[in-house]
Amino acid sequence: AVVSALLNSLGIGGPLMALYILGQGWSRNALRGSLAFYFVVVEASGVVGYGITGLLTTERVVLILITVIPVILGFWLATFLVRHMNEAVFRRAVVTVIITTSLMVLAREVSSL
């Protein structure tokens, strides 16, 4: 519930779910499938909420449609890469991506002060 609120209000929370699932010892396919399903449900709920509150403007719909292409390409690339990784490499890659992107966001925020 906390991660869902963070995702829809602030756009963060995905790394928390990934780390939680990694900690449960699930396989890479279970992790990817579970996160994909979870995010579809959470983000669809967010879109419905935006629609109900009047925040789903034409501009936002256009931006959503534009982002579909990179999402599909990213999914295809990730599927290709995951097939060529063993479980240990996959886990290290996930943690590395989470740490790297978190540090990038932190650095951007610090530099804007």
C-alpha atoms as a PDB file:
ATOM      1  CA  ALA A   1       0.000   0.000   0.000  1.00  0.00           C
ATOM      2  CA  VAL A   2       2.826   2.428   0.857  1.00  0.00           C
ATOM      3  CA  VAL A   3       4.631   1.722  -2.401  1.00  0.00           C
ATOM      4  CA  SER A   4       1.380   2.177  -4.363  1.00  0.00           C
ATOM      5  CA  ALA A   5       0.851   5.562  -2.750  1.00  0.00           C
ATOM      6  CA  LEU A   6       4.463   6.565  -3.442  1.00  0.00           C
ATOM      7  CA  LEU A   7       4.191   5.476  -7.073  1.00  0.00           C
ATOM      8  CA  ASN A   8       1.036   7.423  -7.810  1.00  0.00           C
ATOM      9  CA  SER A   9       1.812  10.513  -5.767  1.00  0.00           C
ATOM     10  CA  LEU A  10       5.563  10.965  -6.222  1.00  0.00           C
ATOM     11  CA  GLY A  11       6.517   8.563  -8.998  1.00  0.00           C
ATOM     12  CA  ILE A  12       8.838   6.536  -6.759  1.00  0.00           C
ATOM     13  CA  GLY A  13       8.516   3.181  -5.102  1.00  0.00           C
ATOM     14  CA  GLY A  14       9.485   0.673  -7.779  1.00  0.00           C
ATOM     15  CA  PRO A  15      12.941   0.043  -6.325  1.00  0.00           C
ATOM     16  CA  LEU A  16      11.372  -0.735  -2.945  1.00  0.00           C
ATOM     17  CA  MET A  17       9.216  -3.447  -4.494  1.00  0.00           C
ATOM     18  CA  ALA A  18      12.146  -4.875  -6.456  1.00  0.00           C
ATOM     19  CA  LEU A  19      14.317  -5.032  -3.339  1.00  0.00           C
ATOM     20  CA  TYR A  20      11.499  -6.624  -1.346  1.00  0.00           C
ATOM     21  CA  ILE A  21      10.986  -9.342  -3.965  1.00  0.00           C
ATOM     22  CA  LEU A  22      14.750  -9.922  -4.257  1.00  0.00           C
ATOM     23  CA  GLY A  23      14.832 -10.397  -0.500  1.00  0.00           C
ATOM     24  CA  GLN A  24      12.142 -13.063  -0.766  1.00  0.00           C
ATOM     25  CA  GLY A  25      14.425 -15.171  -2.965  1.00  0.00           C
ATOM     26  CA  TRP A  26      12.072 -15.319  -5.949  1.00  0.00           C
ATOM     27  CA  SER A  27      13.489 -16.272  -9.356  1.00  0.00           C
ATOM     28  CA  ARG A  28      14.213 -13.625 -11.982  1.00  0.00           C
ATOM     29  CA  ASN A  29      11.140 -14.629 -13.997  1.00  0.00           C
ATOM     30  CA  ALA A  30       8.913 -14.474 -10.919  1.00  0.00           C
ATOM     31  CA  LEU A  31      10.363 -11.059 -10.059  1.00  0.00           C
ATOM     32  CA  ARG A  32       9.820  -9.664 -13.553  1.00  0.00           C
ATOM     33  CA  GLY A  33       6.314 -11.102 -13.869  1.00  0.00           C
ATOM     34  CA  SER A  34       5.219 -10.003 -10.418  1.00  0.00           C
ATOM     35  CA  LEU A  35       6.555  -6.481 -10.819  1.00  0.00           C
ATOM     36  CA  ALA A  36       5.007  -6.128 -14.273  1.00  0.00           C
ATOM     37  CA  PHE A  37       1.606  -7.243 -13.013  1.00  0.00           C
ATOM     38  CA  TYR A  38       1.851  -5.096  -9.878  1.00  0.00           C
ATOM     39  CA  PHE A  39       2.776  -1.971 -11.827  1.00  0.00           C
ATOM     40  CA  VAL A  40       0.023  -2.486 -14.406  1.00  0.00           C
ATOM     41  CA  VAL A  41      -2.547  -2.668 -11.606  1.00  0.00           C
ATOM     42  CA  VAL A  42      -1.110   0.287  -9.663  1.00  0.00           C
ATOM     43  CA  GLU A  43      -0.611   2.534 -12.676  1.00  0.00           C
ATOM     44  CA  ALA A  44      -4.042   1.682 -14.111  1.00  0.00           C
ATOM     45  CA  SER A  45      -5.536   2.646 -10.754  1.00  0.00           C
ATOM     46  CA  GLY A  46      -3.585   5.894 -10.904  1.00  0.00           C
ATOM     47  CA  VAL A  47      -4.893   6.666 -14.406  1.00  0.00           C
ATOM     48  CA  VAL A  48      -8.457   6.016 -13.251  1.00  0.00           C
ATOM     49  CA  GLY A  49      -7.859   8.306 -10.261  1.00  0.00           C
ATOM     50  CA  TYR A  50      -6.474  11.018 -12.526  1.00  0.00           C
ATOM     51  CA  GLY A  51      -9.515  10.658 -14.756  1.00  0.00           C
ATOM     52  CA  ILE A  52     -11.954  10.920 -11.842  1.00  0.00           C
ATOM     53  CA  THR A  53     -10.239  14.025 -10.440  1.00  0.00           C
ATOM     54  CA  GLY A  54      -9.925  15.726 -13.832  1.00  0.00           C
ATOM     55  CA  LEU A  55      -6.134  15.530 -13.958  1.00  0.00           C
ATOM     56  CA  LEU A  56      -6.080  13.309 -17.055  1.00  0.00           C
ATOM     57  CA  THR A  57      -5.748  16.030 -19.680  1.00  0.00           C
ATOM     58  CA  THR A  58      -5.222  15.634 -23.420  1.00  0.00           C
ATOM     59  CA  GLU A  59      -1.566  16.572 -22.951  1.00  0.00           C
ATOM     60  CA  ARG A  60      -1.078  13.798 -20.391  1.00  0.00           C
ATOM     61  CA  VAL A  61      -2.797  11.235 -22.629  1.00  0.00           C
ATOM     62  CA  VAL A  62      -0.481  12.204 -25.504  1.00  0.00           C
ATOM     63  CA  LEU A  63       2.556  11.833 -23.226  1.00  0.00           C
ATOM     64  CA  ILE A  64       1.319   8.415 -22.097  1.00  0.00           C
ATOM     65  CA  LEU A  65       0.929   7.302 -25.704  1.00  0.00           C
ATOM     66  CA  ILE A  66       4.408   8.601 -26.592  1.00  0.00           C
ATOM     67  CA  THR A  67       5.997   6.621 -23.763  1.00  0.00           C
ATOM     68  CA  VAL A  68       4.473   3.353 -24.944  1.00  0.00           C
ATOM     69  CA  ILE A  69       7.173   2.935 -27.610  1.00  0.00           C
ATOM     70  CA  PRO A  70      10.179   3.184 -25.216  1.00  0.00           C
ATOM     71  CA  VAL A  71       8.384   0.920 -22.746  1.00  0.00           C
ATOM     72  CA  ILE A  72       7.917  -1.788 -25.377  1.00  0.00           C
ATOM     73  CA  LEU A  73      11.528  -1.423 -26.541  1.00  0.00           C
ATOM     74  CA  GLY A  74      12.782  -1.576 -22.951  1.00  0.00           C
ATOM     75  CA  PHE A  75      10.726  -4.668 -22.253  1.00  0.00           C
ATOM     76  CA  TRP A  76      12.087  -6.360 -25.377  1.00  0.00           C
ATOM     77  CA  LEU A  77      15.683  -5.456 -24.494  1.00  0.00           C
ATOM     78  CA  ALA A  78      15.256  -6.613 -20.879  1.00  0.00           C
ATOM     79  CA  THR A  79      13.752  -9.912 -22.014  1.00  0.00           C
ATOM     80  CA  PHE A  80      16.719 -10.469 -24.321  1.00  0.00           C
ATOM     81  CA  LEU A  81      19.269  -9.606 -21.623  1.00  0.00           C
ATOM     82  CA  VAL A  82      17.619 -11.670 -18.881  1.00  0.00           C
ATOM     83  CA  ARG A  83      17.723 -14.790 -21.054  1.00  0.00           C
ATOM     84  CA  HIS A  84      21.517 -14.474 -21.120  1.00  0.00           C
ATOM     85  CA  MET A  85      22.014 -13.973 -17.365  1.00  0.00           C
ATOM     86  CA  ASN A  86      22.131 -16.462 -14.551  1.00  0.00           C
ATOM     87  CA  GLU A  87      20.309 -15.732 -11.279  1.00  0.00           C
ATOM     88  CA  ALA A  88      23.342 -14.288  -9.475  1.00  0.00           C
ATOM     89  CA  VAL A  89      24.204 -11.889 -12.310  1.00  0.00           C
ATOM     90  CA  PHE A  90      20.549 -10.851 -12.549  1.00  0.00           C
ATOM     91  CA  ARG A  91      20.364 -10.054  -8.833  1.00  0.00           C
ATOM     92  CA  ARG A  92      23.597  -8.029  -8.954  1.00  0.00           C
ATOM     93  CA  ALA A  93      22.349  -6.183 -12.046  1.00  0.00           C
ATOM     94  CA  VAL A  94      19.054  -5.260 -10.361  1.00  0.00           C
ATOM     95  CA  VAL A  95      20.769  -3.948  -7.236  1.00  0.00           C
ATOM     96  CA  THR A  96      23.363  -2.078  -9.355  1.00  0.00           C
ATOM     97  CA  VAL A  97      20.649  -0.389 -11.429  1.00  0.00           C
ATOM     98  CA  ILE A  98      18.710   0.590  -8.300  1.00  0.00           C
ATOM     99  CA  ILE A  99      21.791   2.061  -6.598  1.00  0.00           C
ATOM    100  CA  THR A 100      23.008   3.843  -9.742  1.00  0.00           C
ATOM    101  CA  THR A 101      19.665   5.423 -10.603  1.00  0.00           C
ATOM    102  CA  SER A 102      19.056   6.401  -6.973  1.00  0.00           C
ATOM    103  CA  LEU A 103      22.445   8.120  -6.810  1.00  0.00           C
ATOM    104  CA  MET A 104      21.721   9.907 -10.092  1.00  0.00           C
ATOM    105  CA  VAL A 105      18.431  11.266  -8.752  1.00  0.00           C
ATOM    106  CA  LEU A 106      20.087  12.272  -5.476  1.00  0.00           C
ATOM    107  CA  ALA A 107      22.910  14.052  -7.316  1.00  0.00           C
ATOM    108  CA  ARG A 108      20.434  15.888  -9.535  1.00  0.00           C
ATOM    109  CA  GLU A 109      18.460  17.066  -6.527  1.00  0.00           C
ATOM    110  CA  VAL A 110      21.568  18.161  -4.608  1.00  0.00           C
ATOM    111  CA  SER A 111      22.887  20.040  -7.637  1.00  0.00           C
ATOM    112  CA  SER A 112      19.602  21.947  -7.979  1.00  0.00           C
ATOM    113  CA  LEU A 113      19.863  23.383  -4.447  1.00  0.00           C
END
